[in-house]
Amino acid sequence: MSGNQFNSVNRGNQYATQYGNINLHAGQRRFDGRVLLVTLVVDVAFFFYGMLAYTGKNTTGDQWRAGIFLFLLITTATLLRRWIRRRV
């Protein structure tokens, strides 16, 4: 059998034709990297806000800021771990 075959990849989409039949395999877009970058920016911004707003006294505001920062840090670490595992 003789036939033509054409394969092309363009920005995550794969186009293939074989024997006149056209197949389109659309790639899945992942937003993990963008979400991770936004979370890192929020994490760093909140760290500096907490650092500048720290009073040095044992107030509940300082404890809330520390708790929120630790939550953001754990969330960022989880997203980073997930992003690295998907890349490997």
C-alpha atoms as a PDB file:
ATOM      1  CA  MET A   1       0.000   0.000   0.000  1.00  0.00           C
ATOM      2  CA  SER A   2       1.288   3.352  -0.842  1.00  0.00           C
ATOM      3  CA  GLY A   3      -0.101   6.413   0.820  1.00  0.00           C
ATOM      4  CA  ASN A   4       0.909   9.743   2.110  1.00  0.00           C
ATOM      5  CA  GLN A   5       1.473  10.554   5.745  1.00  0.00           C
ATOM      6  CA  PHE A   6       1.810  14.022   7.243  1.00  0.00           C
ATOM      7  CA  ASN A   7       2.559  14.832  10.876  1.00  0.00           C
ATOM      8  CA  SER A   8       2.924  18.295  12.330  1.00  0.00           C
ATOM      9  CA  VAL A   9       3.081  19.737  15.819  1.00  0.00           C
ATOM     10  CA  ASN A  10       2.086  23.349  16.363  1.00  0.00           C
ATOM     11  CA  ARG A  11       1.903  24.854  19.885  1.00  0.00           C
ATOM     12  CA  GLY A  12       0.852  21.677  21.620  1.00  0.00           C
ATOM     13  CA  ASN A  13      -1.588  20.525  18.924  1.00  0.00           C
ATOM     14  CA  GLN A  14      -0.728  17.564  16.755  1.00  0.00           C
ATOM     15  CA  TYR A  15      -2.095  17.315  13.241  1.00  0.00           C
ATOM     16  CA  ALA A  16      -1.837  13.994  11.422  1.00  0.00           C
ATOM     17  CA  THR A  17      -3.124  12.849   8.047  1.00  0.00           C
ATOM     18  CA  GLN A  18      -2.849   9.319   6.815  1.00  0.00           C
ATOM     19  CA  TYR A  19      -4.453   7.989   3.646  1.00  0.00           C
ATOM     20  CA  GLY A  20      -6.522  11.165   3.318  1.00  0.00           C
ATOM     21  CA  ASN A  21      -8.017  10.995   6.835  1.00  0.00           C
ATOM     22  CA  ILE A  22      -7.310  14.057   8.961  1.00  0.00           C
ATOM     23  CA  ASN A  23      -6.867  13.622  12.708  1.00  0.00           C
ATOM     24  CA  LEU A  24      -6.492  16.466  15.170  1.00  0.00           C
ATOM     25  CA  HIS A  25      -5.126  15.726  18.608  1.00  0.00           C
ATOM     26  CA  ALA A  26      -5.482  18.865  20.700  1.00  0.00           C
ATOM     27  CA  GLY A  27      -2.950  19.218  23.475  1.00  0.00           C
ATOM     28  CA  GLN A  28      -4.034  20.017  26.990  1.00  0.00           C
ATOM     29  CA  ARG A  29      -3.016  23.427  28.306  1.00  0.00           C
ATOM     30  CA  ARG A  30      -1.606  23.414  31.785  1.00  0.00           C
ATOM     31  CA  PHE A  31      -1.749  26.473  33.961  1.00  0.00           C
ATOM     32  CA  ASP A  32       0.375  25.062  36.788  1.00  0.00           C
ATOM     33  CA  GLY A  33       3.325  27.310  36.005  1.00  0.00           C
ATOM     34  CA  ARG A  34       1.242  30.459  35.929  1.00  0.00           C
ATOM     35  CA  VAL A  35      -0.578  29.585  39.144  1.00  0.00           C
ATOM     36  CA  LEU A  36       2.759  28.870  40.803  1.00  0.00           C
ATOM     37  CA  LEU A  37       4.207  32.225  39.710  1.00  0.00           C
ATOM     38  CA  VAL A  38       1.167  34.142  40.939  1.00  0.00           C
ATOM     39  CA  THR A  39       1.288  32.288  44.269  1.00  0.00           C
ATOM     40  CA  LEU A  40       4.989  33.059  44.648  1.00  0.00           C
ATOM     41  CA  VAL A  41       4.361  36.760  44.011  1.00  0.00           C
ATOM     42  CA  VAL A  42       1.516  36.814  46.563  1.00  0.00           C
ATOM     43  CA  ASP A  43       3.692  34.916  49.045  1.00  0.00           C
ATOM     44  CA  VAL A  44       6.598  37.352  48.718  1.00  0.00           C
ATOM     45  CA  ALA A  45       4.283  40.390  48.861  1.00  0.00           C
ATOM     46  CA  PHE A  46       2.565  39.107  51.984  1.00  0.00           C
ATOM     47  CA  PHE A  47       5.940  38.326  53.570  1.00  0.00           C
ATOM     48  CA  PHE A  48       7.079  41.923  53.102  1.00  0.00           C
ATOM     49  CA  TYR A  49       3.727  43.258  54.300  1.00  0.00           C
ATOM     50  CA  GLY A  50       3.954  41.099  57.432  1.00  0.00           C
ATOM     51  CA  MET A  51       7.554  42.148  57.993  1.00  0.00           C
ATOM     52  CA  LEU A  52       6.736  45.847  57.716  1.00  0.00           C
ATOM     53  CA  ALA A  53       3.574  45.591  59.844  1.00  0.00           C
ATOM     54  CA  TYR A  54       5.239  43.614  62.652  1.00  0.00           C
ATOM     55  CA  THR A  55       4.864  45.478  65.949  1.00  0.00           C
ATOM     56  CA  GLY A  56       7.119  43.367  68.183  1.00  0.00           C
ATOM     57  CA  LYS A  57       4.375  43.077  70.766  1.00  0.00           C
ATOM     58  CA  ASN A  58       2.416  39.895  71.303  1.00  0.00           C
ATOM     59  CA  THR A  59      -0.710  40.975  69.457  1.00  0.00           C
ATOM     60  CA  THR A  60      -3.260  38.877  67.632  1.00  0.00           C
ATOM     61  CA  GLY A  61      -2.619  40.809  64.409  1.00  0.00           C
ATOM     62  CA  ASP A  62       0.962  39.544  64.300  1.00  0.00           C
ATOM     63  CA  GLN A  63      -0.222  35.992  64.948  1.00  0.00           C
ATOM     64  CA  TRP A  64      -2.796  36.194  62.148  1.00  0.00           C
ATOM     65  CA  ARG A  65      -0.208  37.503  59.711  1.00  0.00           C
ATOM     66  CA  ALA A  66       2.212  34.742  60.698  1.00  0.00           C
ATOM     67  CA  GLY A  67      -0.512  32.112  60.299  1.00  0.00           C
ATOM     68  CA  ILE A  68      -1.535  33.399  56.884  1.00  0.00           C
ATOM     69  CA  PHE A  69       2.104  33.501  55.783  1.00  0.00           C
ATOM     70  CA  LEU A  70       2.665  29.904  56.909  1.00  0.00           C
ATOM     71  CA  PHE A  71      -0.481  28.822  55.045  1.00  0.00           C
ATOM     72  CA  LEU A  72       0.734  30.579  51.888  1.00  0.00           C
ATOM     73  CA  LEU A  73       4.185  29.037  52.291  1.00  0.00           C
ATOM     74  CA  ILE A  74       2.760  25.512  52.569  1.00  0.00           C
ATOM     75  CA  THR A  75       0.465  26.141  49.593  1.00  0.00           C
ATOM     76  CA  THR A  76       3.397  27.433  47.533  1.00  0.00           C
ATOM     77  CA  ALA A  77       5.548  24.433  48.466  1.00  0.00           C
ATOM     78  CA  THR A  78       2.732  22.056  47.486  1.00  0.00           C
ATOM     79  CA  LEU A  79       2.239  23.774  44.121  1.00  0.00           C
ATOM     80  CA  LEU A  80       5.996  23.762  43.482  1.00  0.00           C
ATOM     81  CA  ARG A  81       6.211  20.039  44.275  1.00  0.00           C
ATOM     82  CA  ARG A  82       3.265  19.322  41.959  1.00  0.00           C
ATOM     83  CA  TRP A  83       4.777  21.429  39.165  1.00  0.00           C
ATOM     84  CA  ILE A  84       8.153  19.669  39.430  1.00  0.00           C
ATOM     85  CA  ARG A  85       6.561  16.206  39.473  1.00  0.00           C
ATOM     86  CA  ARG A  86       4.595  16.960  36.297  1.00  0.00           C
ATOM     87  CA  ARG A  87       7.758  18.109  34.526  1.00  0.00           C
ATOM     88  CA  VAL A  88       9.730  14.961  35.271  1.00  0.00           C
END
